[in-house]
Amino acid sequence: THSSARKLRRRHPRIQGRARRGVLKMPVTAEELANRPMKVTAEEMEAAQLPLEWRDHCAHILIPLNKCRRKTAWMPWECTDLRHAYEKCQYEEYKLRCEAGGVSSAH
């Protein structure tokens, strides 16, 4: 099940050790967040007709997600892997913004 896989990852010593040693260090200051490179170019986002408010650091997932949605007529049971990946990316971005802003997140 999903919950047992999460518990295993949480307890896995290699992953925890990397996080403690700083190998998995994520940017935590506002300057570091602002200076991160985008994974897609502005031209690619424009070609995909992404609205300006959705052109963030998760756009590299949103572009194929929207293509899949259009191809499958927005059926909710289709494109689930891409949708979950996009939602996870958005959540991780939220947590980074909270850290950079000095706000402690609940998770």
PDB file of N, CA and C in Angstrom:
ATOM      1  N   THR A   1       0.832  -1.191   0.000  1.00  0.00           N
ATOM      2  CA  THR A   1       0.000   0.000   0.000  1.00  0.00           C
ATOM      3  C   THR A   1       0.872   1.248   0.000  1.00  0.00           C
ATOM      4  N   HIS A   2       0.250   2.375  -0.268  1.00  0.00           N
ATOM      5  CA  HIS A   2       0.982   3.620  -0.346  1.00  0.00           C
ATOM      6  C   HIS A   2       1.551   4.041   0.996  1.00  0.00           C
ATOM      7  N   SER A   3       0.788   3.866   2.076  1.00  0.00           N
ATOM      8  CA  SER A   3       1.259   4.322   3.379  1.00  0.00           C
ATOM      9  C   SER A   3       2.462   3.507   3.837  1.00  0.00           C
ATOM     10  N   SER A   4       2.492   2.206   3.568  1.00  0.00           N
ATOM     11  CA  SER A   4       3.647   1.412   3.982  1.00  0.00           C
ATOM     12  C   SER A   4       4.890   1.805   3.180  1.00  0.00           C
ATOM     13  N   ALA A   5       4.721   2.163   1.912  1.00  0.00           N
ATOM     14  CA  ALA A   5       5.860   2.609   1.106  1.00  0.00           C
ATOM     15  C   ALA A   5       6.403   3.927   1.641  1.00  0.00           C
ATOM     16  N   ARG A   6       5.518   4.827   2.063  1.00  0.00           N
ATOM     17  CA  ARG A   6       5.962   6.099   2.632  1.00  0.00           C
ATOM     18  C   ARG A   6       6.733   5.868   3.927  1.00  0.00           C
ATOM     19  N   LYS A   7       6.236   4.964   4.776  1.00  0.00           N
ATOM     20  CA  LYS A   7       6.914   4.677   6.034  1.00  0.00           C
ATOM     21  C   LYS A   7       8.299   4.096   5.775  1.00  0.00           C
ATOM     22  N   LEU A   8       8.402   3.228   4.780  1.00  0.00           N
ATOM     23  CA  LEU A   8       9.687   2.635   4.449  1.00  0.00           C
ATOM     24  C   LEU A   8      10.669   3.709   3.989  1.00  0.00           C
ATOM     25  N   ARG A   9      10.213   4.617   3.128  1.00  0.00           N
ATOM     26  CA  ARG A   9      11.086   5.695   2.669  1.00  0.00           C
ATOM     27  C   ARG A   9      11.502   6.592   3.813  1.00  0.00           C
ATOM     28  N   ARG A  10      10.574   6.849   4.745  1.00  0.00           N
ATOM     29  CA  ARG A  10      10.873   7.706   5.877  1.00  0.00           C
ATOM     30  C   ARG A  10      11.947   7.096   6.769  1.00  0.00           C
ATOM     31  N   ARG A  11      11.906   5.777   6.900  1.00  0.00           N
ATOM     32  CA  ARG A  11      12.839   5.098   7.795  1.00  0.00           C
ATOM     33  C   ARG A  11      14.110   4.639   7.094  1.00  0.00           C
ATOM     34  N   HIS A  12      14.177   4.785   5.786  1.00  0.00           N
ATOM     35  CA  HIS A  12      15.325   4.272   5.049  1.00  0.00           C
ATOM     36  C   HIS A  12      16.584   5.046   5.445  1.00  0.00           C
ATOM     37  N   PRO A  13      17.610   4.375   5.971  1.00  0.00           N
ATOM     38  CA  PRO A  13      18.776   5.083   6.493  1.00  0.00           C
ATOM     39  C   PRO A  13      19.580   5.830   5.440  1.00  0.00           C
ATOM     40  N   ARG A  14      19.666   5.300   4.198  1.00  0.00           N
ATOM     41  CA  ARG A  14      20.442   6.005   3.176  1.00  0.00           C
ATOM     42  C   ARG A  14      19.830   7.348   2.852  1.00  0.00           C
ATOM     43  N   ILE A  15      18.495   7.380   2.709  1.00  0.00           N
ATOM     44  CA  ILE A  15      17.822   8.629   2.371  1.00  0.00           C
ATOM     45  C   ILE A  15      17.920   9.606   3.533  1.00  0.00           C
ATOM     46  N   GLN A  16      17.694   9.126   4.759  1.00  0.00           N
ATOM     47  CA  GLN A  16      17.787  10.001   5.920  1.00  0.00           C
ATOM     48  C   GLN A  16      19.200  10.528   6.080  1.00  0.00           C
ATOM     49  N   GLY A  17      20.210   9.671   5.859  1.00  0.00           N
ATOM     50  CA  GLY A  17      21.599  10.104   5.989  1.00  0.00           C
ATOM     51  C   GLY A  17      21.940  11.200   5.000  1.00  0.00           C
ATOM     52  N   ARG A  18      21.467  11.084   3.773  1.00  0.00           N
ATOM     53  CA  ARG A  18      21.729  12.114   2.771  1.00  0.00           C
ATOM     54  C   ARG A  18      21.119  13.439   3.184  1.00  0.00           C
ATOM     55  N   ALA A  19      19.906  13.384   3.715  1.00  0.00           N
ATOM     56  CA  ALA A  19      19.247  14.617   4.135  1.00  0.00           C
ATOM     57  C   ALA A  19      20.007  15.260   5.289  1.00  0.00           C
ATOM     58  N   ARG A  20      20.491  14.446   6.231  1.00  0.00           N
ATOM     59  CA  ARG A  20      21.229  14.993   7.369  1.00  0.00           C
ATOM     60  C   ARG A  20      22.563  15.581   6.932  1.00  0.00           C
ATOM     61  N   ARG A  21      23.224  14.946   5.968  1.00  0.00           N
ATOM     62  CA  ARG A  21      24.528  15.425   5.520  1.00  0.00           C
ATOM     63  C   ARG A  21      24.405  16.628   4.586  1.00  0.00           C
ATOM     64  N   GLY A  22      23.211  16.973   4.185  1.00  0.00           N
ATOM     65  CA  GLY A  22      23.038  18.128   3.316  1.00  0.00           C
ATOM     66  C   GLY A  22      23.132  17.812   1.841  1.00  0.00           C
ATOM     67  N   VAL A  23      23.182  16.532   1.474  1.00  0.00           N
ATOM     68  CA  VAL A  23      23.263  16.169   0.062  1.00  0.00           C
ATOM     69  C   VAL A  23      21.989  16.568  -0.663  1.00  0.00           C
ATOM     70  N   LEU A  24      20.857  16.470   0.015  1.00  0.00           N
ATOM     71  CA  LEU A  24      19.571  16.805  -0.592  1.00  0.00           C
ATOM     72  C   LEU A  24      19.162  18.237  -0.272  1.00  0.00           C
ATOM     73  N   LYS A  25      20.136  19.123  -0.044  1.00  0.00           N
ATOM     74  CA  LYS A  25      19.853  20.502   0.354  1.00  0.00           C
ATOM     75  C   LYS A  25      19.056  21.223  -0.716  1.00  0.00           C
ATOM     76  N   MET A  26      17.985  21.836  -0.303  1.00  0.00           N
ATOM     77  CA  MET A  26      17.162  22.625  -1.197  1.00  0.00           C
ATOM     78  C   MET A  26      17.387  24.100  -0.871  1.00  0.00           C
ATOM     79  N   PRO A  27      17.165  25.000  -1.833  1.00  0.00           N
ATOM     80  CA  PRO A  27      17.327  26.421  -1.550  1.00  0.00           C
ATOM     81  C   PRO A  27      16.332  26.874  -0.491  1.00  0.00           C
ATOM     82  N   VAL A  28      16.794  27.687   0.446  1.00  0.00           N
ATOM     83  CA  VAL A  28      15.897  28.107   1.512  1.00  0.00           C
ATOM     84  C   VAL A  28      15.800  29.617   1.643  1.00  0.00           C
ATOM     85  N   THR A  29      16.602  30.374   0.939  1.00  0.00           N
ATOM     86  CA  THR A  29      16.473  31.827   1.007  1.00  0.00           C
ATOM     87  C   THR A  29      15.690  32.321  -0.202  1.00  0.00           C
ATOM     88  N   ALA A  30      15.124  33.497  -0.050  1.00  0.00           N
ATOM     89  CA  ALA A  30      14.340  34.076  -1.147  1.00  0.00           C
ATOM     90  C   ALA A  30      15.210  34.297  -2.386  1.00  0.00           C
ATOM     91  N   GLU A  31      16.464  34.682  -2.179  1.00  0.00           N
ATOM     92  CA  GLU A  31      17.364  34.903  -3.313  1.00  0.00           C
ATOM     93  C   GLU A  31      17.647  33.596  -4.053  1.00  0.00           C
ATOM     94  N   GLU A  32      17.869  32.518  -3.286  1.00  0.00           N
ATOM     95  CA  GLU A  32      18.117  31.222  -3.918  1.00  0.00           C
ATOM     96  C   GLU A  32      16.892  30.740  -4.688  1.00  0.00           C
ATOM     97  N   LEU A  33      15.705  30.971  -4.130  1.00  0.00           N
ATOM     98  CA  LEU A  33      14.480  30.576  -4.830  1.00  0.00           C
ATOM     99  C   LEU A  33      14.321  31.352  -6.129  1.00  0.00           C
ATOM    100  N   ALA A  34      14.604  32.645  -6.075  1.00  0.00           N
ATOM    101  CA  ALA A  34      14.417  33.486  -7.262  1.00  0.00           C
ATOM    102  C   ALA A  34      15.432  33.165  -8.351  1.00  0.00           C
ATOM    103  N   ASN A  35      16.611  32.691  -7.975  1.00  0.00           N
ATOM    104  CA  ASN A  35      17.679  32.458  -8.949  1.00  0.00           C
ATOM    105  C   ASN A  35      17.756  31.026  -9.452  1.00  0.00           C
ATOM    106  N   ARG A  36      16.795  30.186  -9.104  1.00  0.00           N
ATOM    107  CA  ARG A  36      16.796  28.808  -9.604  1.00  0.00           C
ATOM    108  C   ARG A  36      16.510  28.806 -11.099  1.00  0.00           C
ATOM    109  N   PRO A  37      17.200  27.943 -11.851  1.00  0.00           N
ATOM    110  CA  PRO A  37      16.917  27.883 -13.295  1.00  0.00           C
ATOM    111  C   PRO A  37      15.596  27.168 -13.560  1.00  0.00           C
ATOM    112  N   MET A  38      14.890  27.632 -14.571  1.00  0.00           N
ATOM    113  CA  MET A  38      13.650  26.985 -14.995  1.00  0.00           C
ATOM    114  C   MET A  38      14.009  25.762 -15.834  1.00  0.00           C
ATOM    115  N   LYS A  39      13.152  24.745 -15.799  1.00  0.00           N
ATOM    116  CA  LYS A  39      13.397  23.528 -16.575  1.00  0.00           C
ATOM    117  C   LYS A  39      12.851  23.629 -17.990  1.00  0.00           C
ATOM    118  N   VAL A  40      11.983  24.607 -18.243  1.00  0.00           N
ATOM    119  CA  VAL A  40      11.484  24.862 -19.596  1.00  0.00           C
ATOM    120  C   VAL A  40      11.709  26.329 -19.914  1.00  0.00           C
ATOM    121  N   THR A  41      11.845  26.631 -21.181  1.00  0.00           N
ATOM    122  CA  THR A  41      12.092  28.011 -21.586  1.00  0.00           C
ATOM    123  C   THR A  41      10.780  28.784 -21.705  1.00  0.00           C
ATOM    124  N   ALA A  42      10.908  30.089 -21.756  1.00  0.00           N
ATOM    125  CA  ALA A  42       9.736  30.933 -21.936  1.00  0.00           C
ATOM    126  C   ALA A  42       9.062  30.651 -23.275  1.00  0.00           C
ATOM    127  N   GLU A  43       9.868  30.312 -24.286  1.00  0.00           N
ATOM    128  CA  GLU A  43       9.310  30.001 -25.604  1.00  0.00           C
ATOM    129  C   GLU A  43       8.474  28.723 -25.564  1.00  0.00           C
ATOM    130  N   GLU A  44       8.952  27.725 -24.811  1.00  0.00           N
ATOM    131  CA  GLU A  44       8.192  26.481 -24.691  1.00  0.00           C
ATOM    132  C   GLU A  44       6.872  26.713 -23.961  1.00  0.00           C
ATOM    133  N   MET A  45       6.910  27.543 -22.920  1.00  0.00           N
ATOM    134  CA  MET A  45       5.678  27.844 -22.182  1.00  0.00           C
ATOM    135  C   MET A  45       4.708  28.638 -23.050  1.00  0.00           C
ATOM    136  N   GLU A  46       5.234  29.549 -23.854  1.00  0.00           N
ATOM    137  CA  GLU A  46       4.380  30.323 -24.749  1.00  0.00           C
ATOM    138  C   GLU A  46       3.778  29.431 -25.831  1.00  0.00           C
ATOM    139  N   ALA A  47       4.596  28.512 -26.366  1.00  0.00           N
ATOM    140  CA  ALA A  47       4.099  27.593 -27.398  1.00  0.00           C
ATOM    141  C   ALA A  47       3.012  26.678 -26.832  1.00  0.00           C
ATOM    142  N   ALA A  48       3.122  26.336 -25.547  1.00  0.00           N
ATOM    143  CA  ALA A  48       2.115  25.488 -24.908  1.00  0.00           C
ATOM    144  C   ALA A  48       0.908  26.300 -24.448  1.00  0.00           C
ATOM    145  N   GLN A  49       0.945  27.604 -24.660  1.00  0.00           N
ATOM    146  CA  GLN A  49      -0.137  28.528 -24.299  1.00  0.00           C
ATOM    147  C   GLN A  49      -0.474  28.474 -22.807  1.00  0.00           C
ATOM    148  N   LEU A  50       0.573  28.412 -21.976  1.00  0.00           N
ATOM    149  CA  LEU A  50       0.356  28.452 -20.531  1.00  0.00           C
ATOM    150  C   LEU A  50       0.055  29.885 -20.111  1.00  0.00           C
ATOM    151  N   PRO A  51      -0.982  30.086 -19.324  1.00  0.00           N
ATOM    152  CA  PRO A  51      -1.229  31.434 -18.794  1.00  0.00           C
ATOM    153  C   PRO A  51      -0.055  31.876 -17.917  1.00  0.00           C
ATOM    154  N   LEU A  52       0.165  33.169 -17.823  1.00  0.00           N
ATOM    155  CA  LEU A  52       1.301  33.697 -17.076  1.00  0.00           C
ATOM    156  C   LEU A  52       1.335  33.218 -15.627  1.00  0.00           C
ATOM    157  N   GLU A  53       0.178  33.112 -14.991  1.00  0.00           N
ATOM    158  CA  GLU A  53       0.154  32.727 -13.580  1.00  0.00           C
ATOM    159  C   GLU A  53       0.551  31.260 -13.357  1.00  0.00           C
ATOM    160  N   TRP A  54       0.611  30.460 -14.396  1.00  0.00           N
ATOM    161  CA  TRP A  54       1.001  29.053 -14.253  1.00  0.00           C
ATOM    162  C   TRP A  54       2.431  28.797 -14.711  1.00  0.00           C
ATOM    163  N   ARG A  55       3.138  29.837 -15.089  1.00  0.00           N
ATOM    164  CA  ARG A  55       4.517  29.687 -15.570  1.00  0.00           C
ATOM    165  C   ARG A  55       5.478  29.731 -14.383  1.00  0.00           C
ATOM    166  N   ASP A  56       5.515  28.644 -13.645  1.00  0.00           N
ATOM    167  CA  ASP A  56       6.364  28.560 -12.467  1.00  0.00           C
ATOM    168  C   ASP A  56       7.345  27.404 -12.620  1.00  0.00           C
ATOM    169  N   HIS A  57       7.952  26.976 -11.535  1.00  0.00           N
ATOM    170  CA  HIS A  57       8.946  25.904 -11.587  1.00  0.00           C
ATOM    171  C   HIS A  57       8.339  24.527 -11.775  1.00  0.00           C
ATOM    172  N   CYS A  58       7.022  24.441 -11.891  1.00  0.00           N
ATOM    173  CA  CYS A  58       6.365  23.158 -12.163  1.00  0.00           C
ATOM    174  C   CYS A  58       5.822  23.101 -13.588  1.00  0.00           C
ATOM    175  N   ALA A  59       6.121  24.093 -14.388  1.00  0.00           N
ATOM    176  CA  ALA A  59       5.605  24.147 -15.758  1.00  0.00           C
ATOM    177  C   ALA A  59       6.107  22.977 -16.600  1.00  0.00           C
ATOM    178  N   HIS A  60       7.278  22.427 -16.258  1.00  0.00           N
ATOM    179  CA  HIS A  60       7.810  21.291 -17.027  1.00  0.00           C
ATOM    180  C   HIS A  60       6.922  20.060 -16.885  1.00  0.00           C
ATOM    181  N   ILE A  61       6.095  20.002 -15.861  1.00  0.00           N
ATOM    182  CA  ILE A  61       5.143  18.908 -15.694  1.00  0.00           C
ATOM    183  C   ILE A  61       3.777  19.299 -16.250  1.00  0.00           C
ATOM    184  N   LEU A  62       3.426  20.565 -16.103  1.00  0.00           N
ATOM    185  CA  LEU A  62       2.122  21.031 -16.547  1.00  0.00           C
ATOM    186  C   LEU A  62       1.957  20.949 -18.066  1.00  0.00           C
ATOM    187  N   ILE A  63       3.011  21.185 -18.818  1.00  0.00           N
ATOM    188  CA  ILE A  63       2.919  21.150 -20.280  1.00  0.00           C
ATOM    189  C   ILE A  63       2.495  19.762 -20.775  1.00  0.00           C
ATOM    190  N   PRO A  64       3.189  18.674 -20.379  1.00  0.00           N
ATOM    191  CA  PRO A  64       2.714  17.356 -20.837  1.00  0.00           C
ATOM    192  C   PRO A  64       1.376  16.965 -20.214  1.00  0.00           C
ATOM    193  N   LEU A  65       1.096  17.449 -18.997  1.00  0.00           N
ATOM    194  CA  LEU A  65      -0.200  17.157 -18.374  1.00  0.00           C
ATOM    195  C   LEU A  65      -1.328  17.761 -19.198  1.00  0.00           C
ATOM    196  N   ASN A  66      -1.175  19.001 -19.621  1.00  0.00           N
ATOM    197  CA  ASN A  66      -2.222  19.633 -20.428  1.00  0.00           C
ATOM    198  C   ASN A  66      -2.370  18.960 -21.786  1.00  0.00           C
ATOM    199  N   LYS A  67      -1.266  18.506 -22.383  1.00  0.00           N
ATOM    200  CA  LYS A  67      -1.354  17.766 -23.644  1.00  0.00           C
ATOM    201  C   LYS A  67      -2.151  16.484 -23.451  1.00  0.00           C
ATOM    202  N   CYS A  68      -1.856  15.776 -22.359  1.00  0.00           N
ATOM    203  CA  CYS A  68      -2.576  14.541 -22.066  1.00  0.00           C
ATOM    204  C   CYS A  68      -4.052  14.821 -21.811  1.00  0.00           C
ATOM    205  N   ARG A  69      -4.339  15.889 -21.088  1.00  0.00           N
ATOM    206  CA  ARG A  69      -5.735  16.248 -20.804  1.00  0.00           C
ATOM    207  C   ARG A  69      -6.499  16.534 -22.094  1.00  0.00           C
ATOM    208  N   ARG A  70      -5.883  17.277 -22.991  1.00  0.00           N
ATOM    209  CA  ARG A  70      -6.557  17.587 -24.258  1.00  0.00           C
ATOM    210  C   ARG A  70      -6.776  16.321 -25.089  1.00  0.00           C
ATOM    211  N   LYS A  71      -5.773  15.443 -25.084  1.00  0.00           N
ATOM    212  CA  LYS A  71      -5.860  14.203 -25.862  1.00  0.00           C
ATOM    213  C   LYS A  71      -6.960  13.282 -25.343  1.00  0.00           C
ATOM    214  N   THR A  72      -7.201  13.295 -24.030  1.00  0.00           N
ATOM    215  CA  THR A  72      -8.175  12.387 -23.418  1.00  0.00           C
ATOM    216  C   THR A  72      -9.473  13.088 -23.046  1.00  0.00           C
ATOM    217  N   ALA A  73      -9.694  14.277 -23.576  1.00  0.00           N
ATOM    218  CA  ALA A  73     -10.930  15.033 -23.339  1.00  0.00           C
ATOM    219  C   ALA A  73     -11.183  15.269 -21.845  1.00  0.00           C
ATOM    220  N   TRP A  74     -10.119  15.522 -21.100  1.00  0.00           N
ATOM    221  CA  TRP A  74     -10.196  15.874 -19.674  1.00  0.00           C
ATOM    222  C   TRP A  74     -10.896  14.817 -18.820  1.00  0.00           C
ATOM    223  N   MET A  75     -10.790  13.550 -19.204  1.00  0.00           N
ATOM    224  CA  MET A  75     -11.375  12.483 -18.389  1.00  0.00           C
ATOM    225  C   MET A  75     -10.609  12.389 -17.072  1.00  0.00           C
ATOM    226  N   PRO A  76     -11.305  12.414 -15.940  1.00  0.00           N
ATOM    227  CA  PRO A  76     -10.612  12.484 -14.646  1.00  0.00           C
ATOM    228  C   PRO A  76      -9.766  11.255 -14.314  1.00  0.00           C
ATOM    229  N   TRP A  77     -10.068  10.102 -14.906  1.00  0.00           N
ATOM    230  CA  TRP A  77      -9.299   8.902 -14.603  1.00  0.00           C
ATOM    231  C   TRP A  77      -8.081   8.759 -15.500  1.00  0.00           C
ATOM    232  N   GLU A  78      -7.895   9.663 -16.434  1.00  0.00           N
ATOM    233  CA  GLU A  78      -6.724   9.655 -17.310  1.00  0.00           C
ATOM    234  C   GLU A  78      -5.665  10.619 -16.768  1.00  0.00           C
ATOM    235  N   CYS A  79      -4.438  10.428 -17.153  1.00  0.00           N
ATOM    236  CA  CYS A  79      -3.324  11.332 -16.830  1.00  0.00           C
ATOM    237  C   CYS A  79      -3.074  11.449 -15.326  1.00  0.00           C
ATOM    238  N   THR A  80      -3.423  10.429 -14.573  1.00  0.00           N
ATOM    239  CA  THR A  80      -3.315  10.540 -13.115  1.00  0.00           C
ATOM    240  C   THR A  80      -1.870  10.661 -12.649  1.00  0.00           C
ATOM    241  N   ASP A  81      -0.937   9.960 -13.286  1.00  0.00           N
ATOM    242  CA  ASP A  81       0.463  10.044 -12.863  1.00  0.00           C
ATOM    243  C   ASP A  81       0.992  11.470 -13.043  1.00  0.00           C
ATOM    244  N   LEU A  82       0.696  12.067 -14.191  1.00  0.00           N
ATOM    245  CA  LEU A  82       1.143  13.444 -14.422  1.00  0.00           C
ATOM    246  C   LEU A  82       0.451  14.418 -13.471  1.00  0.00           C
ATOM    247  N   ARG A  83      -0.824  14.204 -13.217  1.00  0.00           N
ATOM    248  CA  ARG A  83      -1.553  15.106 -12.316  1.00  0.00           C
ATOM    249  C   ARG A  83      -0.972  15.041 -10.913  1.00  0.00           C
ATOM    250  N   HIS A  84      -0.703  13.832 -10.435  1.00  0.00           N
ATOM    251  CA  HIS A  84      -0.136  13.691  -9.092  1.00  0.00           C
ATOM    252  C   HIS A  84       1.271  14.277  -9.034  1.00  0.00           C
ATOM    253  N   ALA A  85       2.055  14.100 -10.092  1.00  0.00           N
ATOM    254  CA  ALA A  85       3.397  14.675 -10.131  1.00  0.00           C
ATOM    255  C   ALA A  85       3.326  16.200 -10.091  1.00  0.00           C
ATOM    256  N   TYR A  86       2.370  16.776 -10.823  1.00  0.00           N
ATOM    257  CA  TYR A  86       2.215  18.230 -10.826  1.00  0.00           C
ATOM    258  C   TYR A  86       1.771  18.738  -9.451  1.00  0.00           C
ATOM    259  N   GLU A  87       0.823  18.044  -8.837  1.00  0.00           N
ATOM    260  CA  GLU A  87       0.353  18.471  -7.513  1.00  0.00           C
ATOM    261  C   GLU A  87       1.464  18.351  -6.473  1.00  0.00           C
ATOM    262  N   LYS A  88       2.280  17.301  -6.577  1.00  0.00           N
ATOM    263  CA  LYS A  88       3.395  17.152  -5.649  1.00  0.00           C
ATOM    264  C   LYS A  88       4.412  18.268  -5.857  1.00  0.00           C
ATOM    265  N   CYS A  89       4.694  18.586  -7.107  1.00  0.00           N
ATOM    266  CA  CYS A  89       5.617  19.675  -7.411  1.00  0.00           C
ATOM    267  C   CYS A  89       5.108  20.992  -6.823  1.00  0.00           C
ATOM    268  N   GLN A  90       3.817  21.266  -6.984  1.00  0.00           N
ATOM    269  CA  GLN A  90       3.238  22.486  -6.425  1.00  0.00           C
ATOM    270  C   GLN A  90       3.365  22.509  -4.900  1.00  0.00           C
ATOM    271  N   TYR A  91       3.149  21.360  -4.256  1.00  0.00           N
ATOM    272  CA  TYR A  91       3.257  21.284  -2.803  1.00  0.00           C
ATOM    273  C   TYR A  91       4.700  21.504  -2.353  1.00  0.00           C
ATOM    274  N   GLU A  92       5.651  20.908  -3.069  1.00  0.00           N
ATOM    275  CA  GLU A  92       7.058  21.104  -2.724  1.00  0.00           C
ATOM    276  C   GLU A  92       7.458  22.569  -2.897  1.00  0.00           C
ATOM    277  N   GLU A  93       6.953  23.210  -3.936  1.00  0.00           N
ATOM    278  CA  GLU A  93       7.206  24.632  -4.138  1.00  0.00           C
ATOM    279  C   GLU A  93       6.639  25.456  -2.982  1.00  0.00           C
ATOM    280  N   TYR A  94       5.453  25.104  -2.537  1.00  0.00           N
ATOM    281  CA  TYR A  94       4.826  25.786  -1.404  1.00  0.00           C
ATOM    282  C   TYR A  94       5.701  25.648  -0.163  1.00  0.00           C
ATOM    283  N   LYS A  95       6.199  24.436   0.095  1.00  0.00           N
ATOM    284  CA  LYS A  95       7.037  24.233   1.272  1.00  0.00           C
ATOM    285  C   LYS A  95       8.327  25.041   1.174  1.00  0.00           C
ATOM    286  N   LEU A  96       8.923  25.118  -0.015  1.00  0.00           N
ATOM    287  CA  LEU A  96      10.136  25.917  -0.191  1.00  0.00           C
ATOM    288  C   LEU A  96       9.861  27.392   0.052  1.00  0.00           C
ATOM    289  N   ARG A  97       8.725  27.887  -0.435  1.00  0.00           N
ATOM    290  CA  ARG A  97       8.387  29.293  -0.208  1.00  0.00           C
ATOM    291  C   ARG A  97       8.168  29.558   1.279  1.00  0.00           C
ATOM    292  N   CYS A  98       7.577  28.615   1.986  1.00  0.00           N
ATOM    293  CA  CYS A  98       7.380  28.778   3.427  1.00  0.00           C
ATOM    294  C   CYS A  98       8.713  28.837   4.142  1.00  0.00           C
ATOM    295  N   GLU A  99       9.649  27.960   3.771  1.00  0.00           N
ATOM    296  CA  GLU A  99      10.971  27.984   4.392  1.00  0.00           C
ATOM    297  C   GLU A  99      11.697  29.278   4.091  1.00  0.00           C
ATOM    298  N   ALA A 100      11.626  29.733   2.864  1.00  0.00           N
ATOM    299  CA  ALA A 100      12.325  30.949   2.478  1.00  0.00           C
ATOM    300  C   ALA A 100      11.733  32.176   3.163  1.00  0.00           C
ATOM    301  N   GLY A 101      10.435  32.131   3.410  1.00  0.00           N
ATOM    302  CA  GLY A 101       9.773  33.261   4.051  1.00  0.00           C
ATOM    303  C   GLY A 101       9.840  33.224   5.554  1.00  0.00           C
ATOM    304  N   GLY A 102      10.429  32.159   6.103  1.00  0.00           N
ATOM    305  CA  GLY A 102      10.527  32.057   7.544  1.00  0.00           C
ATOM    306  C   GLY A 102       9.271  31.522   8.206  1.00  0.00           C
ATOM    307  N   VAL A 103       8.322  31.068   7.403  1.00  0.00           N
ATOM    308  CA  VAL A 103       7.085  30.515   7.940  1.00  0.00           C
ATOM    309  C   VAL A 103       7.268  29.019   8.096  1.00  0.00           C
ATOM    310  N   SER A 104       6.944  28.476   9.244  1.00  0.00           N
ATOM    311  CA  SER A 104       7.062  27.033   9.409  1.00  0.00           C
ATOM    312  C   SER A 104       5.821  26.370   8.854  1.00  0.00           C
ATOM    313  N   SER A 105       6.027  25.342   8.025  1.00  0.00           N
ATOM    314  CA  SER A 105       4.888  24.628   7.457  1.00  0.00           C
ATOM    315  C   SER A 105       4.453  23.551   8.429  1.00  0.00           C
ATOM    316  N   ALA A 106       3.231  23.095   8.292  1.00  0.00           N
ATOM    317  CA  ALA A 106       2.679  22.108   9.199  1.00  0.00           C
ATOM    318  C   ALA A 106       3.260  20.719   8.960  1.00  0.00           C
ATOM    319  N   HIS A 107       3.908  20.497   7.793  1.00  0.00           N
ATOM    320  CA  HIS A 107       4.399  19.150   7.468  1.00  0.00           C
ATOM    321  C   HIS A 107       5.881  19.106   7.501  1.00  0.00           C
TER     322      HIS A 107
END
